[in-house]
Amino acid sequence: MENFEPVIVAFCCHYCAYTAADMAGSQRLPYPANVKIIRVPCSGKVDALHIVKAFEKGADGVYVAGCLEGDCHFKSGNTRAGRRVAYVKKYLEEIGIESERLEMVTMSAGMGYRFAQTATEITEKIRKLGPSPIKTALAL
């Protein structure tokens, strides 16, 4: 397992988190290449099904990145996303998967450093947890 490189899916809102990821790239801030970014119009558009499908398709960890509290371009999308992430975390626990594999984070467009830091921290956390039990079960 020492050669394990986790697959991380990051659902990033167009206005803040995706722009922060772009800024991290522009500033040449290093973050793991195994973070796969999916741009969404708003973090509130990320449905529970999208998160579960990401795990089903092979993600070892998933995070939803939205605007800072009170700064959502669609008023309350990030709040809605936070509630969905909490719901899916409970669901993951019920089916025997560590809820730590899923996170909700917030950042503004100018936080390239925060994006790179978050991507690195989540990758390290998932690396310690090991491969997703879903991926292992599907391989059998």
N, C-alpha and C. Protein backbone atom coordinates (compact mmCIF):
# COMPACT_ATOMS: atom_id res chain seq x y z
N MET A 1 0.82 -1.19 0.00
CA MET A 1 0.00 0.00 0.00
C MET A 1 0.87 1.27 0.00
N GLU A 2 2.20 1.11 0.15
CA GLU A 2 3.05 2.29 0.16
C GLU A 2 3.12 2.97 -1.21
N ASN A 3 2.75 2.27 -2.28
CA ASN A 3 2.71 2.85 -3.61
C ASN A 3 1.33 3.36 -3.99
N PHE A 4 0.42 3.33 -3.05
CA PHE A 4 -0.96 3.74 -3.31
C PHE A 4 -1.06 5.23 -3.57
N GLU A 5 -1.60 5.58 -4.73
CA GLU A 5 -1.87 6.98 -5.06
C GLU A 5 -3.38 7.13 -5.19
N PRO A 6 -4.01 7.84 -4.27
CA PRO A 6 -5.47 7.95 -4.30
C PRO A 6 -5.98 8.80 -5.46
N VAL A 7 -7.17 8.47 -5.89
CA VAL A 7 -7.87 9.27 -6.89
C VAL A 7 -8.83 10.17 -6.12
N ILE A 8 -8.68 11.47 -6.29
CA ILE A 8 -9.51 12.44 -5.59
C ILE A 8 -10.33 13.21 -6.61
N VAL A 9 -11.62 13.30 -6.39
CA VAL A 9 -12.49 14.09 -7.25
C VAL A 9 -12.89 15.35 -6.49
N ALA A 10 -12.67 16.50 -7.12
CA ALA A 10 -13.02 17.79 -6.52
C ALA A 10 -14.10 18.45 -7.37
N PHE A 11 -15.31 18.56 -6.81
CA PHE A 11 -16.39 19.30 -7.47
C PHE A 11 -16.20 20.76 -7.09
N CYS A 12 -15.82 21.60 -8.03
CA CYS A 12 -15.49 23.00 -7.75
C CYS A 12 -16.48 23.94 -8.41
N CYS A 13 -17.01 24.87 -7.62
CA CYS A 13 -17.92 25.86 -8.18
C CYS A 13 -17.16 26.77 -9.13
N HIS A 14 -17.83 27.17 -10.18
CA HIS A 14 -17.22 27.97 -11.25
C HIS A 14 -16.65 29.29 -10.76
N TYR A 15 -17.39 29.97 -9.89
CA TYR A 15 -17.02 31.33 -9.51
C TYR A 15 -15.90 31.43 -8.50
N CYS A 16 -15.82 30.49 -7.58
CA CYS A 16 -14.81 30.63 -6.52
C CYS A 16 -13.77 29.51 -6.54
N ALA A 17 -14.17 28.30 -6.27
CA ALA A 17 -13.19 27.22 -6.11
C ALA A 17 -12.44 26.91 -7.41
N TYR A 18 -13.14 26.89 -8.53
CA TYR A 18 -12.47 26.63 -9.81
C TYR A 18 -11.49 27.75 -10.13
N THR A 19 -11.89 28.97 -9.85
CA THR A 19 -11.01 30.12 -10.08
C THR A 19 -9.81 30.06 -9.13
N ALA A 20 -10.03 29.60 -7.90
CA ALA A 20 -8.92 29.42 -6.96
C ALA A 20 -7.95 28.35 -7.47
N ALA A 21 -8.49 27.28 -8.05
CA ALA A 21 -7.63 26.24 -8.62
C ALA A 21 -6.82 26.81 -9.79
N ASP A 22 -7.47 27.63 -10.61
CA ASP A 22 -6.78 28.28 -11.71
C ASP A 22 -5.68 29.20 -11.19
N MET A 23 -5.98 29.92 -10.12
CA MET A 23 -4.99 30.82 -9.53
C MET A 23 -3.81 30.02 -8.98
N ALA A 24 -4.09 28.88 -8.36
CA ALA A 24 -3.01 28.03 -7.85
C ALA A 24 -2.09 27.62 -8.99
N GLY A 25 -2.69 27.29 -10.13
CA GLY A 25 -1.89 26.94 -11.29
C GLY A 25 -1.09 28.12 -11.82
N SER A 26 -1.73 29.28 -11.87
CA SER A 26 -1.05 30.49 -12.36
C SER A 26 0.12 30.88 -11.47
N GLN A 27 -0.04 30.66 -10.17
CA GLN A 27 1.02 30.98 -9.21
C GLN A 27 2.04 29.86 -9.07
N ARG A 28 1.82 28.79 -9.83
CA ARG A 28 2.68 27.61 -9.80
C ARG A 28 2.79 27.00 -8.40
N LEU A 29 1.66 27.01 -7.71
CA LEU A 29 1.61 26.38 -6.39
C LEU A 29 1.42 24.88 -6.59
N PRO A 30 2.26 24.07 -6.01
CA PRO A 30 2.15 22.63 -6.23
C PRO A 30 0.97 22.02 -5.46
N TYR A 31 0.25 21.15 -6.12
CA TYR A 31 -0.75 20.31 -5.46
C TYR A 31 -0.80 19.00 -6.22
N PRO A 32 -1.27 17.92 -5.59
CA PRO A 32 -1.20 16.59 -6.21
C PRO A 32 -1.92 16.52 -7.56
N ALA A 33 -1.28 15.88 -8.50
CA ALA A 33 -1.85 15.72 -9.85
C ALA A 33 -3.00 14.73 -9.88
N ASN A 34 -3.17 13.97 -8.82
CA ASN A 34 -4.25 12.98 -8.78
C ASN A 34 -5.59 13.59 -8.37
N VAL A 35 -5.65 14.90 -8.19
CA VAL A 35 -6.92 15.58 -7.90
C VAL A 35 -7.58 15.92 -9.23
N LYS A 36 -8.71 15.30 -9.48
CA LYS A 36 -9.46 15.52 -10.71
C LYS A 36 -10.55 16.56 -10.45
N ILE A 37 -10.45 17.69 -11.12
CA ILE A 37 -11.38 18.79 -10.90
C ILE A 37 -12.55 18.70 -11.86
N ILE A 38 -13.75 18.80 -11.30
CA ILE A 38 -14.97 18.87 -12.09
C ILE A 38 -15.60 20.22 -11.80
N ARG A 39 -15.67 21.06 -12.83
CA ARG A 39 -16.25 22.39 -12.66
C ARG A 39 -17.76 22.29 -12.73
N VAL A 40 -18.41 22.88 -11.74
CA VAL A 40 -19.88 22.92 -11.69
C VAL A 40 -20.30 24.38 -11.58
N PRO A 41 -21.50 24.73 -12.06
CA PRO A 41 -21.93 26.13 -12.00
C PRO A 41 -21.98 26.66 -10.56
N CYS A 42 -22.36 25.79 -9.63
CA CYS A 42 -22.48 26.15 -8.22
C CYS A 42 -22.33 24.87 -7.41
N SER A 43 -21.72 24.96 -6.25
CA SER A 43 -21.58 23.76 -5.42
C SER A 43 -22.95 23.20 -5.04
N GLY A 44 -23.96 24.06 -5.01
CA GLY A 44 -25.33 23.63 -4.71
C GLY A 44 -25.92 22.72 -5.77
N LYS A 45 -25.30 22.68 -6.94
CA LYS A 45 -25.77 21.81 -8.02
C LYS A 45 -25.22 20.39 -7.91
N VAL A 46 -24.29 20.17 -6.99
CA VAL A 46 -23.73 18.83 -6.80
C VAL A 46 -24.73 18.02 -6.00
N ASP A 47 -25.30 17.03 -6.64
CA ASP A 47 -26.30 16.19 -6.01
C ASP A 47 -25.63 15.03 -5.27
N ALA A 48 -26.34 14.45 -4.34
CA ALA A 48 -25.82 13.29 -3.61
C ALA A 48 -25.45 12.18 -4.59
N LEU A 49 -26.23 12.04 -5.64
CA LEU A 49 -25.96 11.00 -6.64
C LEU A 49 -24.61 11.22 -7.32
N HIS A 50 -24.25 12.48 -7.59
CA HIS A 50 -22.95 12.77 -8.22
C HIS A 50 -21.80 12.31 -7.32
N ILE A 51 -21.95 12.56 -6.03
CA ILE A 51 -20.91 12.18 -5.09
C ILE A 51 -20.78 10.66 -5.01
N VAL A 52 -21.90 9.98 -4.88
CA VAL A 52 -21.89 8.52 -4.79
C VAL A 52 -21.34 7.92 -6.09
N LYS A 53 -21.72 8.48 -7.23
CA LYS A 53 -21.22 7.99 -8.53
C LYS A 53 -19.71 8.16 -8.64
N ALA A 54 -19.18 9.26 -8.09
CA ALA A 54 -17.73 9.46 -8.12
C ALA A 54 -17.02 8.32 -7.39
N PHE A 55 -17.55 7.95 -6.23
CA PHE A 55 -16.98 6.82 -5.49
C PHE A 55 -17.15 5.53 -6.29
N GLU A 56 -18.33 5.35 -6.86
CA GLU A 56 -18.61 4.14 -7.63
C GLU A 56 -17.68 4.00 -8.83
N LYS A 57 -17.31 5.13 -9.42
CA LYS A 57 -16.45 5.12 -10.62
C LYS A 57 -14.97 5.04 -10.29
N GLY A 58 -14.63 4.96 -8.99
CA GLY A 58 -13.24 4.73 -8.63
C GLY A 58 -12.56 5.77 -7.78
N ALA A 59 -13.27 6.81 -7.35
CA ALA A 59 -12.64 7.81 -6.49
C ALA A 59 -12.38 7.23 -5.10
N ASP A 60 -11.23 7.55 -4.55
CA ASP A 60 -10.92 7.15 -3.18
C ASP A 60 -11.36 8.23 -2.20
N GLY A 61 -11.49 9.45 -2.69
CA GLY A 61 -11.93 10.57 -1.87
C GLY A 61 -12.61 11.61 -2.75
N VAL A 62 -13.52 12.36 -2.17
CA VAL A 62 -14.26 13.38 -2.90
C VAL A 62 -14.37 14.62 -2.02
N TYR A 63 -14.23 15.78 -2.63
CA TYR A 63 -14.58 16.99 -1.89
C TYR A 63 -15.36 17.94 -2.79
N VAL A 64 -16.25 18.67 -2.14
CA VAL A 64 -17.06 19.68 -2.81
C VAL A 64 -16.53 21.02 -2.32
N ALA A 65 -16.11 21.86 -3.27
CA ALA A 65 -15.53 23.15 -2.92
C ALA A 65 -16.44 24.26 -3.44
N GLY A 66 -16.91 25.09 -2.52
CA GLY A 66 -17.82 26.17 -2.88
C GLY A 66 -17.33 27.52 -2.40
N CYS A 67 -18.17 28.50 -2.59
CA CYS A 67 -17.87 29.87 -2.17
C CYS A 67 -17.86 29.96 -0.64
N LEU A 68 -17.26 31.03 -0.15
CA LEU A 68 -17.26 31.28 1.29
C LEU A 68 -18.69 31.50 1.77
N GLU A 69 -18.93 31.22 3.06
CA GLU A 69 -20.25 31.43 3.64
C GLU A 69 -20.71 32.86 3.42
N GLY A 70 -21.92 33.02 2.90
CA GLY A 70 -22.48 34.34 2.66
C GLY A 70 -22.07 34.97 1.35
N ASP A 71 -21.17 34.33 0.60
CA ASP A 71 -20.70 34.90 -0.66
C ASP A 71 -21.07 34.07 -1.89
N CYS A 72 -22.02 33.16 -1.75
CA CYS A 72 -22.41 32.32 -2.88
C CYS A 72 -23.05 33.18 -3.97
N HIS A 73 -22.64 32.98 -5.18
CA HIS A 73 -23.19 33.74 -6.31
C HIS A 73 -24.64 33.36 -6.58
N PHE A 74 -25.08 32.23 -6.05
CA PHE A 74 -26.47 31.80 -6.20
C PHE A 74 -27.17 31.80 -4.84
N LYS A 75 -26.82 32.75 -4.01
CA LYS A 75 -27.38 33.01 -2.68
C LYS A 75 -27.05 31.95 -1.65
N SER A 76 -27.60 30.74 -1.79
CA SER A 76 -27.41 29.74 -0.74
C SER A 76 -26.96 28.38 -1.27
N GLY A 77 -26.35 28.36 -2.43
CA GLY A 77 -25.89 27.09 -3.02
C GLY A 77 -24.88 26.38 -2.15
N ASN A 78 -23.95 27.14 -1.58
CA ASN A 78 -22.92 26.50 -0.75
C ASN A 78 -23.51 25.92 0.53
N THR A 79 -24.54 26.56 1.07
CA THR A 79 -25.22 26.03 2.26
C THR A 79 -25.94 24.73 1.92
N ARG A 80 -26.59 24.73 0.77
CA ARG A 80 -27.29 23.54 0.30
C ARG A 80 -26.29 22.40 0.07
N ALA A 81 -25.14 22.74 -0.52
CA ALA A 81 -24.10 21.73 -0.75
C ALA A 81 -23.59 21.16 0.57
N GLY A 82 -23.42 22.01 1.56
CA GLY A 82 -22.96 21.56 2.87
C GLY A 82 -23.93 20.56 3.50
N ARG A 83 -25.23 20.84 3.35
CA ARG A 83 -26.23 19.90 3.89
C ARG A 83 -26.19 18.57 3.13
N ARG A 84 -26.01 18.64 1.83
CA ARG A 84 -25.94 17.40 1.04
C ARG A 84 -24.71 16.58 1.42
N VAL A 85 -23.59 17.24 1.58
CA VAL A 85 -22.37 16.53 1.96
C VAL A 85 -22.55 15.86 3.32
N ALA A 86 -23.15 16.56 4.27
CA ALA A 86 -23.41 15.97 5.59
C ALA A 86 -24.32 14.74 5.46
N TYR A 87 -25.32 14.82 4.59
CA TYR A 87 -26.24 13.70 4.37
C TYR A 87 -25.49 12.50 3.78
N VAL A 88 -24.65 12.75 2.78
CA VAL A 88 -23.92 11.65 2.14
C VAL A 88 -22.89 11.07 3.09
N LYS A 89 -22.29 11.89 3.96
CA LYS A 89 -21.35 11.37 4.95
C LYS A 89 -22.04 10.36 5.86
N LYS A 90 -23.27 10.67 6.29
CA LYS A 90 -24.03 9.72 7.12
C LYS A 90 -24.33 8.45 6.34
N TYR A 91 -24.68 8.61 5.08
CA TYR A 91 -24.97 7.46 4.22
C TYR A 91 -23.73 6.57 4.08
N LEU A 92 -22.57 7.18 3.86
CA LEU A 92 -21.34 6.41 3.72
C LEU A 92 -21.06 5.60 4.98
N GLU A 93 -21.25 6.22 6.15
CA GLU A 93 -21.06 5.50 7.42
C GLU A 93 -22.01 4.31 7.52
N GLU A 94 -23.26 4.51 7.10
CA GLU A 94 -24.25 3.44 7.17
C GLU A 94 -23.87 2.24 6.32
N ILE A 95 -23.21 2.49 5.20
CA ILE A 95 -22.85 1.37 4.33
C ILE A 95 -21.41 0.88 4.57
N GLY A 96 -20.78 1.40 5.62
CA GLY A 96 -19.47 0.88 6.02
C GLY A 96 -18.27 1.54 5.37
N ILE A 97 -18.43 2.76 4.91
CA ILE A 97 -17.31 3.49 4.29
C ILE A 97 -17.00 4.69 5.18
N GLU A 98 -15.72 4.95 5.37
CA GLU A 98 -15.31 6.06 6.23
C GLU A 98 -15.85 7.39 5.70
N SER A 99 -16.54 8.13 6.54
CA SER A 99 -17.09 9.41 6.12
C SER A 99 -15.99 10.44 5.88
N GLU A 100 -14.79 10.17 6.38
CA GLU A 100 -13.66 11.08 6.17
C GLU A 100 -13.24 11.16 4.72
N ARG A 101 -13.75 10.26 3.90
CA ARG A 101 -13.43 10.27 2.46
C ARG A 101 -14.17 11.38 1.71
N LEU A 102 -15.08 12.07 2.39
CA LEU A 102 -15.86 13.13 1.77
C LEU A 102 -15.74 14.40 2.60
N GLU A 103 -15.51 15.53 1.95
CA GLU A 103 -15.38 16.81 2.64
C GLU A 103 -16.11 17.91 1.89
N MET A 104 -16.51 18.94 2.63
CA MET A 104 -17.03 20.17 2.05
C MET A 104 -16.08 21.27 2.48
N VAL A 105 -15.58 22.06 1.52
CA VAL A 105 -14.67 23.15 1.82
C VAL A 105 -15.18 24.42 1.13
N THR A 106 -14.80 25.56 1.68
CA THR A 106 -15.19 26.83 1.08
C THR A 106 -13.94 27.68 0.87
N MET A 107 -13.98 28.48 -0.17
CA MET A 107 -12.86 29.37 -0.49
C MET A 107 -13.33 30.44 -1.46
N SER A 108 -12.57 31.51 -1.54
CA SER A 108 -12.90 32.55 -2.50
C SER A 108 -12.00 32.39 -3.73
N ALA A 109 -12.31 33.15 -4.76
CA ALA A 109 -11.57 33.05 -6.02
C ALA A 109 -10.09 33.39 -5.85
N GLY A 110 -9.76 34.23 -4.89
CA GLY A 110 -8.38 34.64 -4.69
C GLY A 110 -7.56 33.74 -3.80
N MET A 111 -8.11 32.60 -3.41
CA MET A 111 -7.44 31.71 -2.46
C MET A 111 -6.75 30.53 -3.15
N GLY A 112 -5.87 30.83 -4.08
CA GLY A 112 -5.13 29.77 -4.77
C GLY A 112 -4.33 28.93 -3.80
N TYR A 113 -3.72 29.60 -2.82
CA TYR A 113 -2.94 28.88 -1.82
C TYR A 113 -3.84 27.91 -1.04
N ARG A 114 -5.03 28.35 -0.66
CA ARG A 114 -5.95 27.49 0.08
C ARG A 114 -6.37 26.29 -0.76
N PHE A 115 -6.59 26.50 -2.06
CA PHE A 115 -6.95 25.37 -2.91
C PHE A 115 -5.83 24.33 -2.92
N ALA A 116 -4.60 24.77 -3.14
CA ALA A 116 -3.47 23.85 -3.19
C ALA A 116 -3.28 23.14 -1.84
N GLN A 117 -3.43 23.89 -0.76
CA GLN A 117 -3.29 23.32 0.57
C GLN A 117 -4.38 22.27 0.83
N THR A 118 -5.62 22.60 0.49
CA THR A 118 -6.74 21.67 0.69
C THR A 118 -6.53 20.40 -0.12
N ALA A 119 -6.15 20.54 -1.39
CA ALA A 119 -5.93 19.37 -2.24
C ALA A 119 -4.84 18.48 -1.66
N THR A 120 -3.79 19.07 -1.15
CA THR A 120 -2.69 18.31 -0.56
C THR A 120 -3.13 17.61 0.72
N GLU A 121 -3.82 18.33 1.60
CA GLU A 121 -4.26 17.75 2.87
C GLU A 121 -5.23 16.59 2.66
N ILE A 122 -6.19 16.77 1.76
CA ILE A 122 -7.17 15.71 1.52
C ILE A 122 -6.50 14.50 0.88
N THR A 123 -5.57 14.72 -0.03
CA THR A 123 -4.84 13.60 -0.64
C THR A 123 -4.07 12.83 0.41
N GLU A 124 -3.40 13.53 1.31
CA GLU A 124 -2.64 12.85 2.38
C GLU A 124 -3.56 12.05 3.30
N LYS A 125 -4.71 12.64 3.63
CA LYS A 125 -5.66 11.95 4.51
C LYS A 125 -6.16 10.67 3.85
N ILE A 126 -6.48 10.74 2.57
CA ILE A 126 -7.00 9.57 1.86
C ILE A 126 -5.89 8.54 1.67
N ARG A 127 -4.68 8.99 1.46
CA ARG A 127 -3.55 8.06 1.32
C ARG A 127 -3.41 7.23 2.59
N LYS A 128 -3.60 7.86 3.76
CA LYS A 128 -3.52 7.14 5.04
C LYS A 128 -4.68 6.16 5.22
N LEU A 129 -5.88 6.53 4.70
CA LEU A 129 -7.04 5.64 4.80
C LEU A 129 -6.92 4.43 3.89
N GLY A 130 -6.19 4.57 2.80
CA GLY A 130 -6.03 3.47 1.84
C GLY A 130 -7.08 3.52 0.76
N PRO A 131 -7.05 2.52 -0.13
CA PRO A 131 -8.01 2.49 -1.24
C PRO A 131 -9.46 2.43 -0.77
N SER A 132 -10.33 2.95 -1.56
CA SER A 132 -11.76 2.94 -1.25
C SER A 132 -12.27 1.50 -1.19
N PRO A 133 -13.08 1.19 -0.18
CA PRO A 133 -13.68 -0.15 -0.11
C PRO A 133 -14.57 -0.46 -1.31
N ILE A 134 -15.14 0.56 -1.90
CA ILE A 134 -15.99 0.36 -3.08
C ILE A 134 -15.15 -0.12 -4.24
N LYS A 135 -14.00 0.50 -4.43
CA LYS A 135 -13.10 0.11 -5.53
C LYS A 135 -12.64 -1.33 -5.33
N THR A 136 -12.32 -1.68 -4.09
CA THR A 136 -11.87 -3.02 -3.77
C THR A 136 -12.98 -4.04 -4.02
N ALA A 137 -14.21 -3.70 -3.62
CA ALA A 137 -15.35 -4.61 -3.81
C ALA A 137 -15.66 -4.80 -5.28
N LEU A 138 -15.56 -3.73 -6.08
CA LEU A 138 -15.85 -3.84 -7.51
C LEU A 138 -14.79 -4.64 -8.24
N ALA A 139 -13.57 -4.68 -7.69
CA ALA A 139 -12.48 -5.42 -8.33
C ALA A 139 -12.63 -6.93 -8.13
N LEU A 140 -13.43 -7.34 -7.15
CA LEU A 140 -13.58 -8.77 -6.87
C LEU A 140 -14.37 -9.50 -7.91
